[in-house]
Amino acid sequence: MERVFQKNLICDIKKTFPGCIVLKNDPNYICGIPDLLVLYKDKWAALECKKNINSKKRPHQEHYVDLMNEMSFSRFVHSGNREEVLRELQQTFQS
């Protein structure tokens, strides 16, 4: 289930980036905004959690993930690419 995946992802992010802040965004406030905002030192990232690679994307999600990736770092993350996204996030936060 996506909720369990998201909860475990948040725990791993907090372990990997001590002192970070992980905010869960309200999907009803801005349609398509990514699920999570990760604040770490002077950097930030937005993550849209999906159950798996084939999960349906809601309207505007691709737009916001692309836009926020141009600003900083943003990805769709699911069980199949989780480790890759976490590695990319670590590279971004360390640069």
PDB file of N, CA and C in Angstrom:
ATOM      1  N   MET A   1       0.840  -1.183   0.000  1.00  0.00           N
ATOM      2  CA  MET A   1       0.000   0.000   0.000  1.00  0.00           C
ATOM      3  C   MET A   1       0.888   1.250   0.000  1.00  0.00           C
ATOM      4  N   GLU A   2       0.435   2.271  -0.707  1.00  0.00           N
ATOM      5  CA  GLU A   2       1.224   3.493  -0.853  1.00  0.00           C
ATOM      6  C   GLU A   2       1.484   4.183   0.486  1.00  0.00           C
ATOM      7  N   ARG A   3       0.524   4.158   1.378  1.00  0.00           N
ATOM      8  CA  ARG A   3       0.669   4.818   2.680  1.00  0.00           C
ATOM      9  C   ARG A   3       1.829   4.204   3.475  1.00  0.00           C
ATOM     10  N   VAL A   4       1.934   2.874   3.452  1.00  0.00           N
ATOM     11  CA  VAL A   4       3.004   2.181   4.165  1.00  0.00           C
ATOM     12  C   VAL A   4       4.348   2.487   3.513  1.00  0.00           C
ATOM     13  N   PHE A   5       4.393   2.468   2.180  1.00  0.00           N
ATOM     14  CA  PHE A   5       5.616   2.800   1.456  1.00  0.00           C
ATOM     15  C   PHE A   5       6.074   4.208   1.829  1.00  0.00           C
ATOM     16  N   GLN A   6       5.134   5.153   1.834  1.00  0.00           N
ATOM     17  CA  GLN A   6       5.461   6.541   2.152  1.00  0.00           C
ATOM     18  C   GLN A   6       5.998   6.665   3.586  1.00  0.00           C
ATOM     19  N   LYS A   7       5.365   5.997   4.519  1.00  0.00           N
ATOM     20  CA  LYS A   7       5.801   6.049   5.924  1.00  0.00           C
ATOM     21  C   LYS A   7       7.229   5.517   6.064  1.00  0.00           C
ATOM     22  N   ASN A   8       7.519   4.379   5.428  1.00  0.00           N
ATOM     23  CA  ASN A   8       8.860   3.797   5.492  1.00  0.00           C
ATOM     24  C   ASN A   8       9.881   4.691   4.797  1.00  0.00           C
ATOM     25  N   LEU A   9       9.487   5.308   3.692  1.00  0.00           N
ATOM     26  CA  LEU A   9      10.374   6.223   2.974  1.00  0.00           C
ATOM     27  C   LEU A   9      10.736   7.413   3.857  1.00  0.00           C
ATOM     28  N   ILE A  10       9.748   7.978   4.533  1.00  0.00           N
ATOM     29  CA  ILE A  10       9.992   9.115   5.431  1.00  0.00           C
ATOM     30  C   ILE A  10      10.982   8.718   6.528  1.00  0.00           C
ATOM     31  N   CYS A  11      10.802   7.545   7.114  1.00  0.00           N
ATOM     32  CA  CYS A  11      11.723   7.068   8.163  1.00  0.00           C
ATOM     33  C   CYS A  11      13.146   6.948   7.623  1.00  0.00           C
ATOM     34  N   ASP A  12      13.292   6.392   6.424  1.00  0.00           N
ATOM     35  CA  ASP A  12      14.624   6.241   5.831  1.00  0.00           C
ATOM     36  C   ASP A  12      15.249   7.583   5.498  1.00  0.00           C
ATOM     37  N   ILE A  13      14.460   8.521   5.016  1.00  0.00           N
ATOM     38  CA  ILE A  13      14.979   9.863   4.716  1.00  0.00           C
ATOM     39  C   ILE A  13      15.482  10.523   5.991  1.00  0.00           C
ATOM     40  N   LYS A  14      14.718  10.406   7.068  1.00  0.00           N
ATOM     41  CA  LYS A  14      15.120  11.022   8.338  1.00  0.00           C
ATOM     42  C   LYS A  14      16.390  10.385   8.895  1.00  0.00           C
ATOM     43  N   LYS A  15      16.573   9.072   8.688  1.00  0.00           N
ATOM     44  CA  LYS A  15      17.802   8.403   9.130  1.00  0.00           C
ATOM     45  C   LYS A  15      18.992   8.822   8.275  1.00  0.00           C
ATOM     46  N   THR A  16      18.772   8.933   6.978  1.00  0.00           N
ATOM     47  CA  THR A  16      19.850   9.259   6.042  1.00  0.00           C
ATOM     48  C   THR A  16      20.289  10.710   6.153  1.00  0.00           C
ATOM     49  N   PHE A  17      19.335  11.594   6.450  1.00  0.00           N
ATOM     50  CA  PHE A  17      19.616  13.033   6.533  1.00  0.00           C
ATOM     51  C   PHE A  17      19.209  13.559   7.902  1.00  0.00           C
ATOM     52  N   PRO A  18      20.033  13.290   8.921  1.00  0.00           N
ATOM     53  CA  PRO A  18      19.690  13.716  10.284  1.00  0.00           C
ATOM     54  C   PRO A  18      19.421  15.219  10.349  1.00  0.00           C
ATOM     55  N   GLY A  19      18.356  15.557  11.028  1.00  0.00           N
ATOM     56  CA  GLY A  19      18.001  16.965  11.183  1.00  0.00           C
ATOM     57  C   GLY A  19      17.125  17.511  10.069  1.00  0.00           C
ATOM     58  N   CYS A  20      16.850  16.681   9.059  1.00  0.00           N
ATOM     59  CA  CYS A  20      15.985  17.157   7.978  1.00  0.00           C
ATOM     60  C   CYS A  20      14.548  17.299   8.472  1.00  0.00           C
ATOM     61  N   ILE A  21      13.756  18.021   7.719  1.00  0.00           N
ATOM     62  CA  ILE A  21      12.325  18.161   7.987  1.00  0.00           C
ATOM     63  C   ILE A  21      11.602  17.584   6.789  1.00  0.00           C
ATOM     64  N   VAL A  22      10.671  16.678   7.039  1.00  0.00           N
ATOM     65  CA  VAL A  22       9.865  16.093   5.970  1.00  0.00           C
ATOM     66  C   VAL A  22       8.424  16.529   6.190  1.00  0.00           C
ATOM     67  N   LEU A  23       7.900  17.261   5.229  1.00  0.00           N
ATOM     68  CA  LEU A  23       6.520  17.749   5.296  1.00  0.00           C
ATOM     69  C   LEU A  23       5.646  16.979   4.317  1.00  0.00           C
ATOM     70  N   LYS A  24       4.461  16.601   4.781  1.00  0.00           N
ATOM     71  CA  LYS A  24       3.491  15.964   3.893  1.00  0.00           C
ATOM     72  C   LYS A  24       2.560  17.064   3.364  1.00  0.00           C
ATOM     73  N   ASN A  25       2.512  17.185   2.052  1.00  0.00           N
ATOM     74  CA  ASN A  25       1.681  18.220   1.435  1.00  0.00           C
ATOM     75  C   ASN A  25       0.226  17.791   1.358  1.00  0.00           C
ATOM     76  N   ASP A  26      -0.665  18.756   1.411  1.00  0.00           N
ATOM     77  CA  ASP A  26      -2.105  18.525   1.314  1.00  0.00           C
ATOM     78  C   ASP A  26      -2.477  18.406  -0.161  1.00  0.00           C
ATOM     79  N   PRO A  27      -2.883  17.217  -0.618  1.00  0.00           N
ATOM     80  CA  PRO A  27      -3.204  17.035  -2.037  1.00  0.00           C
ATOM     81  C   PRO A  27      -4.440  17.820  -2.476  1.00  0.00           C
ATOM     82  N   ASN A  28      -5.223  18.286  -1.525  1.00  0.00           N
ATOM     83  CA  ASN A  28      -6.427  19.045  -1.869  1.00  0.00           C
ATOM     84  C   ASN A  28      -6.153  20.542  -2.014  1.00  0.00           C
ATOM     85  N   TYR A  29      -4.978  20.975  -1.560  1.00  0.00           N
ATOM     86  CA  TYR A  29      -4.650  22.398  -1.639  1.00  0.00           C
ATOM     87  C   TYR A  29      -4.235  22.786  -3.057  1.00  0.00           C
ATOM     88  N   ILE A  30      -3.259  22.083  -3.622  1.00  0.00           N
ATOM     89  CA  ILE A  30      -2.843  22.293  -5.013  1.00  0.00           C
ATOM     90  C   ILE A  30      -2.849  20.927  -5.684  1.00  0.00           C
ATOM     91  N   CYS A  31      -3.748  20.741  -6.625  1.00  0.00           N
ATOM     92  CA  CYS A  31      -3.888  19.464  -7.322  1.00  0.00           C
ATOM     93  C   CYS A  31      -2.598  19.120  -8.063  1.00  0.00           C
ATOM     94  N   GLY A  32      -2.005  17.985  -7.729  1.00  0.00           N
ATOM     95  CA  GLY A  32      -0.814  17.520  -8.420  1.00  0.00           C
ATOM     96  C   GLY A  32       0.493  17.825  -7.723  1.00  0.00           C
ATOM     97  N   ILE A  33       0.458  18.587  -6.640  1.00  0.00           N
ATOM     98  CA  ILE A  33       1.696  18.923  -5.938  1.00  0.00           C
ATOM     99  C   ILE A  33       2.270  17.628  -5.325  1.00  0.00           C
ATOM    100  N   PRO A  34       3.590  17.429  -5.351  1.00  0.00           N
ATOM    101  CA  PRO A  34       4.165  16.192  -4.803  1.00  0.00           C
ATOM    102  C   PRO A  34       3.808  15.965  -3.336  1.00  0.00           C
ATOM    103  N   ASP A  35       3.801  14.697  -2.949  1.00  0.00           N
ATOM    104  CA  ASP A  35       3.394  14.284  -1.609  1.00  0.00           C
ATOM    105  C   ASP A  35       4.274  14.843  -0.497  1.00  0.00           C
ATOM    106  N   LEU A  36       5.588  14.823  -0.724  1.00  0.00           N
ATOM    107  CA  LEU A  36       6.527  15.168   0.338  1.00  0.00           C
ATOM    108  C   LEU A  36       7.450  16.305  -0.059  1.00  0.00           C
ATOM    109  N   LEU A  37       7.747  17.152   0.916  1.00  0.00           N
ATOM    110  CA  LEU A  37       8.761  18.185   0.769  1.00  0.00           C
ATOM    111  C   LEU A  37       9.832  17.889   1.816  1.00  0.00           C
ATOM    112  N   VAL A  38      11.068  17.731   1.360  1.00  0.00           N
ATOM    113  CA  VAL A  38      12.179  17.414   2.250  1.00  0.00           C
ATOM    114  C   VAL A  38      13.088  18.638   2.327  1.00  0.00           C
ATOM    115  N   LEU A  39      13.273  19.153   3.530  1.00  0.00           N
ATOM    116  CA  LEU A  39      14.139  20.304   3.768  1.00  0.00           C
ATOM    117  C   LEU A  39      15.383  19.816   4.492  1.00  0.00           C
ATOM    118  N   TYR A  40      16.555  20.116   3.934  1.00  0.00           N
ATOM    119  CA  TYR A  40      17.802  19.654   4.535  1.00  0.00           C
ATOM    120  C   TYR A  40      18.877  20.715   4.342  1.00  0.00           C
ATOM    121  N   LYS A  41      19.338  21.251   5.449  1.00  0.00           N
ATOM    122  CA  LYS A  41      20.320  22.340   5.440  1.00  0.00           C
ATOM    123  C   LYS A  41      19.815  23.452   4.531  1.00  0.00           C
ATOM    124  N   ASP A  42      20.550  23.755   3.461  1.00  0.00           N
ATOM    125  CA  ASP A  42      20.113  24.842   2.568  1.00  0.00           C
ATOM    126  C   ASP A  42      19.517  24.315   1.267  1.00  0.00           C
ATOM    127  N   LYS A  43      19.057  23.056   1.272  1.00  0.00           N
ATOM    128  CA  LYS A  43      18.517  22.442   0.060  1.00  0.00           C
ATOM    129  C   LYS A  43      17.122  21.870   0.340  1.00  0.00           C
ATOM    130  N   TRP A  44      16.415  21.561  -0.754  1.00  0.00           N
ATOM    131  CA  TRP A  44      15.097  20.964  -0.604  1.00  0.00           C
ATOM    132  C   TRP A  44      14.834  20.017  -1.769  1.00  0.00           C
ATOM    133  N   ALA A  45      13.865  19.132  -1.563  1.00  0.00           N
ATOM    134  CA  ALA A  45      13.450  18.174  -2.585  1.00  0.00           C
ATOM    135  C   ALA A  45      11.961  17.897  -2.430  1.00  0.00           C
ATOM    136  N   ALA A  46      11.329  17.568  -3.541  1.00  0.00           N
ATOM    137  CA  ALA A  46       9.917  17.190  -3.534  1.00  0.00           C
ATOM    138  C   ALA A  46       9.800  15.772  -4.098  1.00  0.00           C
ATOM    139  N   LEU A  47       9.035  14.922  -3.422  1.00  0.00           N
ATOM    140  CA  LEU A  47       8.877  13.535  -3.835  1.00  0.00           C
ATOM    141  C   LEU A  47       7.399  13.180  -3.959  1.00  0.00           C
ATOM    142  N   GLU A  48       7.055  12.565  -5.074  1.00  0.00           N
ATOM    143  CA  GLU A  48       5.703  12.068  -5.296  1.00  0.00           C
ATOM    144  C   GLU A  48       5.755  10.549  -5.163  1.00  0.00           C
ATOM    145  N   CYS A  49       5.117  10.019  -4.133  1.00  0.00           N
ATOM    146  CA  CYS A  49       5.132   8.583  -3.855  1.00  0.00           C
ATOM    147  C   CYS A  49       4.064   7.861  -4.663  1.00  0.00           C
ATOM    148  N   LYS A  50       4.460   6.744  -5.233  1.00  0.00           N
ATOM    149  CA  LYS A  50       3.546   5.895  -5.994  1.00  0.00           C
ATOM    150  C   LYS A  50       3.683   4.463  -5.487  1.00  0.00           C
ATOM    151  N   LYS A  51       2.610   3.710  -5.596  1.00  0.00           N
ATOM    152  CA  LYS A  51       2.607   2.321  -5.152  1.00  0.00           C
ATOM    153  C   LYS A  51       3.602   1.500  -5.978  1.00  0.00           C
ATOM    154  N   ASN A  52       3.601   1.719  -7.290  1.00  0.00           N
ATOM    155  CA  ASN A  52       4.543   1.031  -8.174  1.00  0.00           C
ATOM    156  C   ASN A  52       4.699   1.834  -9.465  1.00  0.00           C
ATOM    157  N   ILE A  53       5.523   1.342 -10.354  1.00  0.00           N
ATOM    158  CA  ILE A  53       5.839   2.075 -11.579  1.00  0.00           C
ATOM    159  C   ILE A  53       4.599   2.301 -12.458  1.00  0.00           C
ATOM    160  N   ASN A  54       3.621   1.428 -12.357  1.00  0.00           N
ATOM    161  CA  ASN A  54       2.426   1.528 -13.193  1.00  0.00           C
ATOM    162  C   ASN A  54       1.276   2.303 -12.559  1.00  0.00           C
ATOM    163  N   SER A  55       1.497   2.835 -11.365  1.00  0.00           N
ATOM    164  CA  SER A  55       0.428   3.582 -10.687  1.00  0.00           C
ATOM    165  C   SER A  55       0.028   4.801 -11.509  1.00  0.00           C
ATOM    166  N   LYS A  56      -1.257   5.053 -11.530  1.00  0.00           N
ATOM    167  CA  LYS A  56      -1.792   6.185 -12.285  1.00  0.00           C
ATOM    168  C   LYS A  56      -1.355   7.511 -11.659  1.00  0.00           C
ATOM    169  N   LYS A  57      -1.026   8.443 -12.525  1.00  0.00           N
ATOM    170  CA  LYS A  57      -0.649   9.779 -12.067  1.00  0.00           C
ATOM    171  C   LYS A  57      -1.868  10.680 -12.122  1.00  0.00           C
ATOM    172  N   ARG A  58      -2.023  11.482 -11.094  1.00  0.00           N
ATOM    173  CA  ARG A  58      -3.143  12.420 -11.035  1.00  0.00           C
ATOM    174  C   ARG A  58      -2.852  13.605 -11.945  1.00  0.00           C
ATOM    175  N   PRO A  59      -3.920  14.336 -12.313  1.00  0.00           N
ATOM    176  CA  PRO A  59      -3.713  15.511 -13.176  1.00  0.00           C
ATOM    177  C   PRO A  59      -2.683  16.464 -12.565  1.00  0.00           C
ATOM    178  N   HIS A  60      -1.827  16.970 -13.390  1.00  0.00           N
ATOM    179  CA  HIS A  60      -0.814  17.975 -13.059  1.00  0.00           C
ATOM    180  C   HIS A  60       0.400  17.439 -12.304  1.00  0.00           C
ATOM    181  N   GLN A  61       0.428  16.157 -11.907  1.00  0.00           N
ATOM    182  CA  GLN A  61       1.571  15.659 -11.136  1.00  0.00           C
ATOM    183  C   GLN A  61       2.876  15.747 -11.928  1.00  0.00           C
ATOM    184  N   GLU A  62       2.848  15.324 -13.181  1.00  0.00           N
ATOM    185  CA  GLU A  62       4.075  15.391 -13.983  1.00  0.00           C
ATOM    186  C   GLU A  62       4.545  16.833 -14.125  1.00  0.00           C
ATOM    187  N   HIS A  63       3.601  17.750 -14.309  1.00  0.00           N
ATOM    188  CA  HIS A  63       3.944  19.168 -14.434  1.00  0.00           C
ATOM    189  C   HIS A  63       4.697  19.648 -13.191  1.00  0.00           C
ATOM    190  N   TYR A  64       4.156  19.368 -12.007  1.00  0.00           N
ATOM    191  CA  TYR A  64       4.785  19.848 -10.781  1.00  0.00           C
ATOM    192  C   TYR A  64       6.109  19.144 -10.478  1.00  0.00           C
ATOM    193  N   VAL A  65       6.193  17.850 -10.755  1.00  0.00           N
ATOM    194  CA  VAL A  65       7.460  17.145 -10.540  1.00  0.00           C
ATOM    195  C   VAL A  65       8.529  17.724 -11.467  1.00  0.00           C
ATOM    196  N   ASP A  66       8.197  17.950 -12.723  1.00  0.00           N
ATOM    197  CA  ASP A  66       9.160  18.539 -13.670  1.00  0.00           C
ATOM    198  C   ASP A  66       9.546  19.961 -13.255  1.00  0.00           C
ATOM    199  N   LEU A  67       8.560  20.773 -12.916  1.00  0.00           N
ATOM    200  CA  LEU A  67       8.808  22.161 -12.518  1.00  0.00           C
ATOM    201  C   LEU A  67       9.700  22.227 -11.277  1.00  0.00           C
ATOM    202  N   MET A  68       9.378  21.428 -10.279  1.00  0.00           N
ATOM    203  CA  MET A  68      10.144  21.459  -9.036  1.00  0.00           C
ATOM    204  C   MET A  68      11.528  20.835  -9.216  1.00  0.00           C
ATOM    205  N   ASN A  69      11.667  19.936 -10.174  1.00  0.00           N
ATOM    206  CA  ASN A  69      12.988  19.380 -10.461  1.00  0.00           C
ATOM    207  C   ASN A  69      13.880  20.443 -11.109  1.00  0.00           C
ATOM    208  N   GLU A  70      13.302  21.311 -11.913  1.00  0.00           N
ATOM    209  CA  GLU A  70      14.070  22.416 -12.489  1.00  0.00           C
ATOM    210  C   GLU A  70      14.516  23.394 -11.399  1.00  0.00           C
ATOM    211  N   MET A  71      13.704  23.555 -10.364  1.00  0.00           N
ATOM    212  CA  MET A  71      14.028  24.468  -9.264  1.00  0.00           C
ATOM    213  C   MET A  71      15.079  23.884  -8.327  1.00  0.00           C
ATOM    214  N   SER A  72      14.972  22.592  -8.055  1.00  0.00           N
ATOM    215  CA  SER A  72      15.866  21.943  -7.103  1.00  0.00           C
ATOM    216  C   SER A  72      15.973  20.457  -7.430  1.00  0.00           C
ATOM    217  N   PHE A  73      15.132  19.629  -6.811  1.00  0.00           N
ATOM    218  CA  PHE A  73      15.140  18.180  -7.020  1.00  0.00           C
ATOM    219  C   PHE A  73      13.731  17.670  -6.804  1.00  0.00           C
ATOM    220  N   SER A  74      13.228  16.888  -7.750  1.00  0.00           N
ATOM    221  CA  SER A  74      11.899  16.305  -7.597  1.00  0.00           C
ATOM    222  C   SER A  74      11.837  15.022  -8.414  1.00  0.00           C
ATOM    223  N   ARG A  75      11.190  14.000  -7.845  1.00  0.00           N
ATOM    224  CA  ARG A  75      11.072  12.715  -8.518  1.00  0.00           C
ATOM    225  C   ARG A  75       9.763  12.034  -8.134  1.00  0.00           C
ATOM    226  N   PHE A  76       9.318  11.141  -9.029  1.00  0.00           N
ATOM    227  CA  PHE A  76       8.324  10.142  -8.677  1.00  0.00           C
ATOM    228  C   PHE A  76       9.130   9.021  -8.037  1.00  0.00           C
ATOM    229  N   VAL A  77       8.673   8.511  -6.903  1.00  0.00           N
ATOM    230  CA  VAL A  77       9.399   7.431  -6.230  1.00  0.00           C
ATOM    231  C   VAL A  77       8.430   6.296  -5.926  1.00  0.00           C
ATOM    232  N   HIS A  78       8.889   5.074  -6.205  1.00  0.00           N
ATOM    233  CA  HIS A  78       8.100   3.871  -5.952  1.00  0.00           C
ATOM    234  C   HIS A  78       9.077   2.770  -5.541  1.00  0.00           C
ATOM    235  N   SER A  79       8.562   1.617  -5.192  1.00  0.00           N
ATOM    236  CA  SER A  79       9.434   0.548  -4.688  1.00  0.00           C
ATOM    237  C   SER A  79      10.511   0.145  -5.691  1.00  0.00           C
ATOM    238  N   GLY A  80      10.236   0.276  -6.976  1.00  0.00           N
ATOM    239  CA  GLY A  80      11.196  -0.135  -7.997  1.00  0.00           C
ATOM    240  C   GLY A  80      12.362   0.821  -8.198  1.00  0.00           C
ATOM    241  N   ASN A  81      12.200   2.108  -7.836  1.00  0.00           N
ATOM    242  CA  ASN A  81      13.293   3.066  -8.041  1.00  0.00           C
ATOM    243  C   ASN A  81      13.718   3.761  -6.747  1.00  0.00           C
ATOM    244  N   ARG A  82      13.222   3.279  -5.647  1.00  0.00           N
ATOM    245  CA  ARG A  82      13.448   3.910  -4.342  1.00  0.00           C
ATOM    246  C   ARG A  82      14.921   4.130  -4.036  1.00  0.00           C
ATOM    247  N   GLU A  83      15.737   3.093  -4.170  1.00  0.00           N
ATOM    248  CA  GLU A  83      17.164   3.201  -3.850  1.00  0.00           C
ATOM    249  C   GLU A  83      17.855   4.182  -4.794  1.00  0.00           C
ATOM    250  N   GLU A  84      17.502   4.142  -6.057  1.00  0.00           N
ATOM    251  CA  GLU A  84      18.083   5.070  -7.036  1.00  0.00           C
ATOM    252  C   GLU A  84      17.743   6.518  -6.673  1.00  0.00           C
ATOM    253  N   VAL A  85      16.482   6.773  -6.326  1.00  0.00           N
ATOM    254  CA  VAL A  85      16.060   8.132  -5.964  1.00  0.00           C
ATOM    255  C   VAL A  85      16.775   8.596  -4.697  1.00  0.00           C
ATOM    256  N   LEU A  86      16.908   7.710  -3.718  1.00  0.00           N
ATOM    257  CA  LEU A  86      17.610   8.085  -2.483  1.00  0.00           C
ATOM    258  C   LEU A  86      19.082   8.401  -2.751  1.00  0.00           C
ATOM    259  N   ARG A  87      19.722   7.644  -3.662  1.00  0.00           N
ATOM    260  CA  ARG A  87      21.116   7.945  -4.031  1.00  0.00           C
ATOM    261  C   ARG A  87      21.207   9.313  -4.713  1.00  0.00           C
ATOM    262  N   GLU A  88      20.279   9.581  -5.647  1.00  0.00           N
ATOM    263  CA  GLU A  88      20.266  10.875  -6.335  1.00  0.00           C
ATOM    264  C   GLU A  88      20.014  12.011  -5.350  1.00  0.00           C
ATOM    265  N   LEU A  89      19.125  11.776  -4.405  1.00  0.00           N
ATOM    266  CA  LEU A  89      18.827  12.781  -3.383  1.00  0.00           C
ATOM    267  C   LEU A  89      20.071  13.055  -2.533  1.00  0.00           C
ATOM    268  N   GLN A  90      20.783  11.996  -2.183  1.00  0.00           N
ATOM    269  CA  GLN A  90      21.998  12.165  -1.386  1.00  0.00           C
ATOM    270  C   GLN A  90      23.045  12.973  -2.177  1.00  0.00           C
ATOM    271  N   GLN A  91      23.191  12.711  -3.449  1.00  0.00           N
ATOM    272  CA  GLN A  91      24.131  13.460  -4.283  1.00  0.00           C
ATOM    273  C   GLN A  91      23.727  14.936  -4.343  1.00  0.00           C
ATOM    274  N   THR A  92      22.440  15.177  -4.478  1.00  0.00           N
ATOM    275  CA  THR A  92      21.938  16.565  -4.537  1.00  0.00           C
ATOM    276  C   THR A  92      22.187  17.285  -3.225  1.00  0.00           C
ATOM    277  N   PHE A  93      21.892  16.642  -2.111  1.00  0.00           N
ATOM    278  CA  PHE A  93      22.061  17.273  -0.807  1.00  0.00           C
ATOM    279  C   PHE A  93      23.537  17.468  -0.440  1.00  0.00           C
ATOM    280  N   GLN A  94      24.424  16.673  -1.015  1.00  0.00           N
ATOM    281  CA  GLN A  94      25.850  16.804  -0.710  1.00  0.00           C
ATOM    282  C   GLN A  94      26.568  17.783  -1.614  1.00  0.00           C
ATOM    283  N   SER A  95      25.929  18.187  -2.708  1.00  0.00           N
ATOM    284  CA  SER A  95      26.614  19.106  -3.652  1.00  0.00           C
ATOM    285  C   SER A  95      26.614  20.529  -3.150  1.00  0.00           C
TER     286      SER A  95
END
